[in-house]
Amino acid sequence: MADVDPGLRRDDKDLRRGRSLPALAIAAVLCSISARAAEPQHCVRAEIVLWGDDRHDDSAALNAWFGGADAIWAESGEPVGPAIAGHSFRLSAAVFVPGGTGRRLEAFRMLWPESGEIVSGGSIESGSDPDKAPIVSGVDIIGGDPGEGVPFEAPDPDPAQRNPTASCATS
């Protein structure tokens, strides 16, 4: 009987080639993932969403809007713009209106259910000069502490230290 060479046979090569395809595919995916991780992230800014429906807490969004941030209406997705009229806001925290952001709120109602405070009426206008106090006109305050709704000097905020990954989705 003739000795058989224990070397590779044609069908062994085909099997090894078949096993190497998944390994190559996995290596290609891993290389593309590490290449994408090295690229800088270009994340979209998180949206500031206002409800103005007296049911959802608008504290953070209203403060951001008064601070000059762009916002959209939750109901329609439309931009809020520099002026708001005829909306009612449910709040859980103080609202600060810095001067100079060009924002105007009129014919409004702000309700803090936990304290029973209601601020409503006329208008609050931040104006265009950051060195001037906002203009408050025809505003009624019910249940508020003394000194509320009165402009006061606040320290200049520290420049924002933007973290470019802060608004990126992670999993």
C-alpha atoms as a PDB file:
ATOM      1  CA  MET A   1       0.000   0.000   0.000  1.00  0.00           C
ATOM      2  CA  ALA A   2       1.312   3.435  -0.836  1.00  0.00           C
ATOM      3  CA  ASP A   3       2.031   5.932   1.846  1.00  0.00           C
ATOM      4  CA  VAL A   4      -0.397   8.874   1.887  1.00  0.00           C
ATOM      5  CA  ASP A   5       1.052  12.341   2.322  1.00  0.00           C
ATOM      6  CA  PRO A   6      -0.481  13.767   5.532  1.00  0.00           C
ATOM      7  CA  GLY A   7      -0.291  17.286   3.974  1.00  0.00           C
ATOM      8  CA  LEU A   8      -3.252  19.459   3.158  1.00  0.00           C
ATOM      9  CA  ARG A   9      -5.837  18.185   0.827  1.00  0.00           C
ATOM     10  CA  ARG A  10      -7.955  20.341  -1.434  1.00  0.00           C
ATOM     11  CA  ASP A  11     -11.014  20.066   0.790  1.00  0.00           C
ATOM     12  CA  ASP A  12      -8.949  21.132   3.870  1.00  0.00           C
ATOM     13  CA  LYS A  13      -7.885  24.316   2.056  1.00  0.00           C
ATOM     14  CA  ASP A  14     -11.479  25.090   1.177  1.00  0.00           C
ATOM     15  CA  LEU A  15     -12.495  24.635   4.821  1.00  0.00           C
ATOM     16  CA  ARG A  16      -9.735  26.951   6.071  1.00  0.00           C
ATOM     17  CA  ARG A  17     -10.622  29.571   3.469  1.00  0.00           C
ATOM     18  CA  GLY A  18     -14.242  29.396   4.651  1.00  0.00           C
ATOM     19  CA  ARG A  19     -13.140  29.935   8.268  1.00  0.00           C
ATOM     20  CA  SER A  20     -10.935  32.880   7.402  1.00  0.00           C
ATOM     21  CA  LEU A  21     -13.747  34.925   5.821  1.00  0.00           C
ATOM     22  CA  PRO A  22     -15.561  35.533   9.129  1.00  0.00           C
ATOM     23  CA  ALA A  23     -12.236  36.354  10.789  1.00  0.00           C
ATOM     24  CA  LEU A  24     -11.450  38.894   8.055  1.00  0.00           C
ATOM     25  CA  ALA A  25     -14.917  40.407   8.371  1.00  0.00           C
ATOM     26  CA  ILE A  26     -14.523  40.797  12.139  1.00  0.00           C
ATOM     27  CA  ALA A  27     -11.076  42.366  11.697  1.00  0.00           C
ATOM     28  CA  ALA A  28     -12.455  44.832   9.135  1.00  0.00           C
ATOM     29  CA  VAL A  29     -15.281  45.877  11.475  1.00  0.00           C
ATOM     30  CA  LEU A  30     -12.904  46.339  14.402  1.00  0.00           C
ATOM     31  CA  CYS A  31     -10.562  48.466  12.290  1.00  0.00           C
ATOM     32  CA  SER A  32     -13.398  50.710  11.123  1.00  0.00           C
ATOM     33  CA  ILE A  33     -14.676  51.125  14.706  1.00  0.00           C
ATOM     34  CA  SER A  34     -11.273  52.178  16.005  1.00  0.00           C
ATOM     35  CA  ALA A  35     -10.841  54.554  13.050  1.00  0.00           C
ATOM     36  CA  ARG A  36     -14.214  56.167  13.764  1.00  0.00           C
ATOM     37  CA  ALA A  37     -13.407  56.450  17.481  1.00  0.00           C
ATOM     38  CA  ALA A  38     -10.282  58.423  16.639  1.00  0.00           C
ATOM     39  CA  GLU A  39     -12.279  60.979  14.607  1.00  0.00           C
ATOM     40  CA  PRO A  40     -13.600  64.042  16.459  1.00  0.00           C
ATOM     41  CA  GLN A  41     -17.295  63.821  17.313  1.00  0.00           C
ATOM     42  CA  HIS A  42     -19.629  66.270  15.646  1.00  0.00           C
ATOM     43  CA  CYS A  43     -22.687  66.172  17.872  1.00  0.00           C
ATOM     44  CA  VAL A  44     -25.756  68.296  17.452  1.00  0.00           C
ATOM     45  CA  ARG A  45     -26.659  70.508  20.345  1.00  0.00           C
ATOM     46  CA  ALA A  46     -29.449  69.185  22.515  1.00  0.00           C
ATOM     47  CA  GLU A  47     -32.700  71.025  21.897  1.00  0.00           C
ATOM     48  CA  ILE A  48     -34.211  73.363  24.482  1.00  0.00           C
ATOM     49  CA  VAL A  49     -37.897  72.442  24.507  1.00  0.00           C
ATOM     50  CA  LEU A  50     -40.629  74.638  25.999  1.00  0.00           C
ATOM     51  CA  TRP A  51     -44.134  73.369  26.654  1.00  0.00           C
ATOM     52  CA  GLY A  52     -45.897  76.474  27.998  1.00  0.00           C
ATOM     53  CA  ASP A  53     -48.951  74.312  28.756  1.00  0.00           C
ATOM     54  CA  ASP A  54     -49.106  74.605  32.573  1.00  0.00           C
ATOM     55  CA  ARG A  55     -48.623  70.815  32.880  1.00  0.00           C
ATOM     56  CA  HIS A  56     -44.934  70.140  32.091  1.00  0.00           C
ATOM     57  CA  ASP A  57     -42.051  71.564  34.130  1.00  0.00           C
ATOM     58  CA  ASP A  58     -40.496  74.341  32.042  1.00  0.00           C
ATOM     59  CA  SER A  59     -37.977  75.563  34.660  1.00  0.00           C
ATOM     60  CA  ALA A  60     -34.740  74.618  32.892  1.00  0.00           C
ATOM     61  CA  ALA A  61     -35.998  75.441  29.402  1.00  0.00           C
ATOM     62  CA  LEU A  62     -37.416  78.849  30.383  1.00  0.00           C
ATOM     63  CA  ASN A  63     -34.178  79.779  32.174  1.00  0.00           C
ATOM     64  CA  ALA A  64     -32.161  78.720  29.122  1.00  0.00           C
ATOM     65  CA  TRP A  65     -34.439  80.701  26.799  1.00  0.00           C
ATOM     66  CA  PHE A  66     -34.243  83.822  28.997  1.00  0.00           C
ATOM     67  CA  GLY A  67     -30.461  83.322  28.989  1.00  0.00           C
ATOM     68  CA  GLY A  68     -30.447  83.659  25.198  1.00  0.00           C
ATOM     69  CA  ALA A  69     -30.533  79.997  24.082  1.00  0.00           C
ATOM     70  CA  ASP A  70     -32.635  79.015  21.089  1.00  0.00           C
ATOM     71  CA  ALA A  71     -35.671  76.914  21.950  1.00  0.00           C
ATOM     72  CA  ILE A  72     -38.461  75.068  20.196  1.00  0.00           C
ATOM     73  CA  TRP A  73     -42.092  74.506  21.150  1.00  0.00           C
ATOM     74  CA  ALA A  74     -42.743  70.915  22.247  1.00  0.00           C
ATOM     75  CA  GLU A  75     -46.171  70.782  20.644  1.00  0.00           C
ATOM     76  CA  SER A  76     -45.209  71.985  17.157  1.00  0.00           C
ATOM     77  CA  GLY A  77     -41.412  71.799  16.954  1.00  0.00           C
ATOM     78  CA  GLU A  78     -41.404  75.420  15.746  1.00  0.00           C
ATOM     79  CA  PRO A  79     -38.732  77.856  16.987  1.00  0.00           C
ATOM     80  CA  VAL A  80     -39.809  79.944  19.965  1.00  0.00           C
ATOM     81  CA  GLY A  81     -38.086  83.133  18.794  1.00  0.00           C
ATOM     82  CA  PRO A  82     -37.235  86.159  20.962  1.00  0.00           C
ATOM     83  CA  ALA A  83     -40.794  86.785  22.260  1.00  0.00           C
ATOM     84  CA  ILE A  84     -43.417  84.629  23.976  1.00  0.00           C
ATOM     85  CA  ALA A  85     -47.024  85.723  24.506  1.00  0.00           C
ATOM     86  CA  GLY A  86     -50.053  84.017  26.028  1.00  0.00           C
ATOM     87  CA  HIS A  87     -48.466  80.926  27.585  1.00  0.00           C
ATOM     88  CA  SER A  88     -48.678  79.394  31.046  1.00  0.00           C
ATOM     89  CA  PHE A  89     -45.597  77.774  32.587  1.00  0.00           C
ATOM     90  CA  ARG A  90     -45.457  75.203  35.385  1.00  0.00           C
ATOM     91  CA  LEU A  91     -42.176  75.610  37.286  1.00  0.00           C
ATOM     92  CA  SER A  92     -40.247  73.892  40.052  1.00  0.00           C
ATOM     93  CA  ALA A  93     -37.251  76.241  40.320  1.00  0.00           C
ATOM     94  CA  ALA A  94     -36.510  79.951  40.236  1.00  0.00           C
ATOM     95  CA  VAL A  95     -36.518  81.751  36.891  1.00  0.00           C
ATOM     96  CA  PHE A  96     -33.677  84.201  36.300  1.00  0.00           C
ATOM     97  CA  VAL A  97     -33.891  86.898  33.638  1.00  0.00           C
ATOM     98  CA  PRO A  98     -30.475  88.335  32.780  1.00  0.00           C
ATOM     99  CA  GLY A  99     -30.338  91.669  31.026  1.00  0.00           C
ATOM    100  CA  GLY A 100     -29.197  91.948  27.428  1.00  0.00           C
ATOM    101  CA  THR A 101     -30.513  88.729  25.886  1.00  0.00           C
ATOM    102  CA  GLY A 102     -33.275  90.351  23.814  1.00  0.00           C
ATOM    103  CA  ARG A 103     -36.080  88.208  25.279  1.00  0.00           C
ATOM    104  CA  ARG A 104     -39.657  89.333  25.949  1.00  0.00           C
ATOM    105  CA  LEU A 105     -42.399  87.461  27.825  1.00  0.00           C
ATOM    106  CA  GLU A 106     -45.884  88.967  27.858  1.00  0.00           C
ATOM    107  CA  ALA A 107     -49.435  88.014  28.825  1.00  0.00           C
ATOM    108  CA  PHE A 108     -48.048  85.027  30.714  1.00  0.00           C
ATOM    109  CA  ARG A 109     -48.629  82.948  33.805  1.00  0.00           C
ATOM    110  CA  MET A 110     -45.921  81.184  35.837  1.00  0.00           C
ATOM    111  CA  LEU A 111     -47.036  78.727  38.510  1.00  0.00           C
ATOM    112  CA  TRP A 112     -44.931  77.052  41.208  1.00  0.00           C
ATOM    113  CA  PRO A 113     -47.363  74.388  42.520  1.00  0.00           C
ATOM    114  CA  GLU A 114     -45.189  73.358  45.479  1.00  0.00           C
ATOM    115  CA  SER A 115     -45.155  76.864  46.950  1.00  0.00           C
ATOM    116  CA  GLY A 116     -48.463  78.093  45.540  1.00  0.00           C
ATOM    117  CA  GLU A 117     -46.755  81.098  43.965  1.00  0.00           C
ATOM    118  CA  ILE A 118     -48.204  82.601  40.787  1.00  0.00           C
ATOM    119  CA  VAL A 119     -46.564  85.314  38.698  1.00  0.00           C
ATOM    120  CA  SER A 120     -48.690  86.637  35.862  1.00  0.00           C
ATOM    121  CA  GLY A 121     -49.657  89.532  33.739  1.00  0.00           C
ATOM    122  CA  GLY A 122     -47.887  92.198  31.781  1.00  0.00           C
ATOM    123  CA  SER A 123     -44.378  91.753  30.486  1.00  0.00           C
ATOM    124  CA  ILE A 124     -40.794  90.954  31.327  1.00  0.00           C
ATOM    125  CA  GLU A 125     -38.241  92.251  28.847  1.00  0.00           C
ATOM    126  CA  SER A 126     -34.530  91.533  29.108  1.00  0.00           C
ATOM    127  CA  GLY A 127     -33.557  94.318  26.721  1.00  0.00           C
ATOM    128  CA  SER A 128     -30.410  94.472  24.631  1.00  0.00           C
ATOM    129  CA  ASP A 129     -27.953  95.938  27.140  1.00  0.00           C
ATOM    130  CA  PRO A 130     -26.380  93.360  29.474  1.00  0.00           C
ATOM    131  CA  ASP A 131     -25.481  96.152  31.904  1.00  0.00           C
ATOM    132  CA  LYS A 132     -29.124  97.138  32.435  1.00  0.00           C
ATOM    133  CA  ALA A 133     -31.725  95.331  34.499  1.00  0.00           C
ATOM    134  CA  PRO A 134     -34.679  93.683  32.768  1.00  0.00           C
ATOM    135  CA  ILE A 135     -37.864  95.761  32.527  1.00  0.00           C
ATOM    136  CA  VAL A 136     -40.829  94.349  34.454  1.00  0.00           C
ATOM    137  CA  SER A 137     -44.186  95.952  33.740  1.00  0.00           C
ATOM    138  CA  GLY A 138     -47.703  95.109  34.976  1.00  0.00           C
ATOM    139  CA  VAL A 139     -46.679  91.837  36.634  1.00  0.00           C
ATOM    140  CA  ASP A 140     -48.686  90.467  39.579  1.00  0.00           C
ATOM    141  CA  ILE A 141     -47.057  88.205  42.163  1.00  0.00           C
ATOM    142  CA  ILE A 142     -49.302  86.121  44.420  1.00  0.00           C
ATOM    143  CA  GLY A 143     -47.799  84.048  47.236  1.00  0.00           C
ATOM    144  CA  GLY A 144     -44.218  85.127  46.610  1.00  0.00           C
ATOM    145  CA  ASP A 145     -41.570  86.002  49.134  1.00  0.00           C
ATOM    146  CA  PRO A 146     -40.683  89.665  49.734  1.00  0.00           C
ATOM    147  CA  GLY A 147     -38.161  90.888  47.187  1.00  0.00           C
ATOM    148  CA  GLU A 148     -39.237  88.516  44.434  1.00  0.00           C
ATOM    149  CA  GLY A 149     -39.558  89.989  40.985  1.00  0.00           C
ATOM    150  CA  VAL A 150     -37.146  92.776  41.872  1.00  0.00           C
ATOM    151  CA  PRO A 151     -33.992  93.112  39.743  1.00  0.00           C
ATOM    152  CA  PHE A 152     -30.710  92.519  41.585  1.00  0.00           C
ATOM    153  CA  GLU A 153     -27.030  92.585  40.730  1.00  0.00           C
ATOM    154  CA  ALA A 154     -25.578  89.174  40.092  1.00  0.00           C
ATOM    155  CA  PRO A 155     -21.955  88.248  39.529  1.00  0.00           C
ATOM    156  CA  ASP A 156     -20.869  87.766  35.931  1.00  0.00           C
ATOM    157  CA  PRO A 157     -21.051  84.098  35.039  1.00  0.00           C
ATOM    158  CA  ASP A 158     -17.848  82.200  34.388  1.00  0.00           C
ATOM    159  CA  PRO A 159     -17.276  81.513  30.700  1.00  0.00           C
ATOM    160  CA  ALA A 160     -18.827  78.213  29.775  1.00  0.00           C
ATOM    161  CA  GLN A 161     -16.363  75.356  29.631  1.00  0.00           C
ATOM    162  CA  ARG A 162     -17.947  73.457  26.759  1.00  0.00           C
ATOM    163  CA  ASN A 163     -17.529  69.743  26.784  1.00  0.00           C
ATOM    164  CA  PRO A 164     -17.994  68.718  23.134  1.00  0.00           C
ATOM    165  CA  THR A 165     -19.193  65.259  24.145  1.00  0.00           C
ATOM    166  CA  ALA A 166     -21.696  66.498  26.733  1.00  0.00           C
ATOM    167  CA  SER A 167     -24.669  66.363  24.357  1.00  0.00           C
ATOM    168  CA  CYS A 168     -23.622  63.274  22.424  1.00  0.00           C
ATOM    169  CA  ALA A 169     -25.680  60.158  22.697  1.00  0.00           C
ATOM    170  CA  THR A 170     -23.934  57.212  24.282  1.00  0.00           C
ATOM    171  CA  SER A 171     -24.915  53.617  24.639  1.00  0.00           C
END
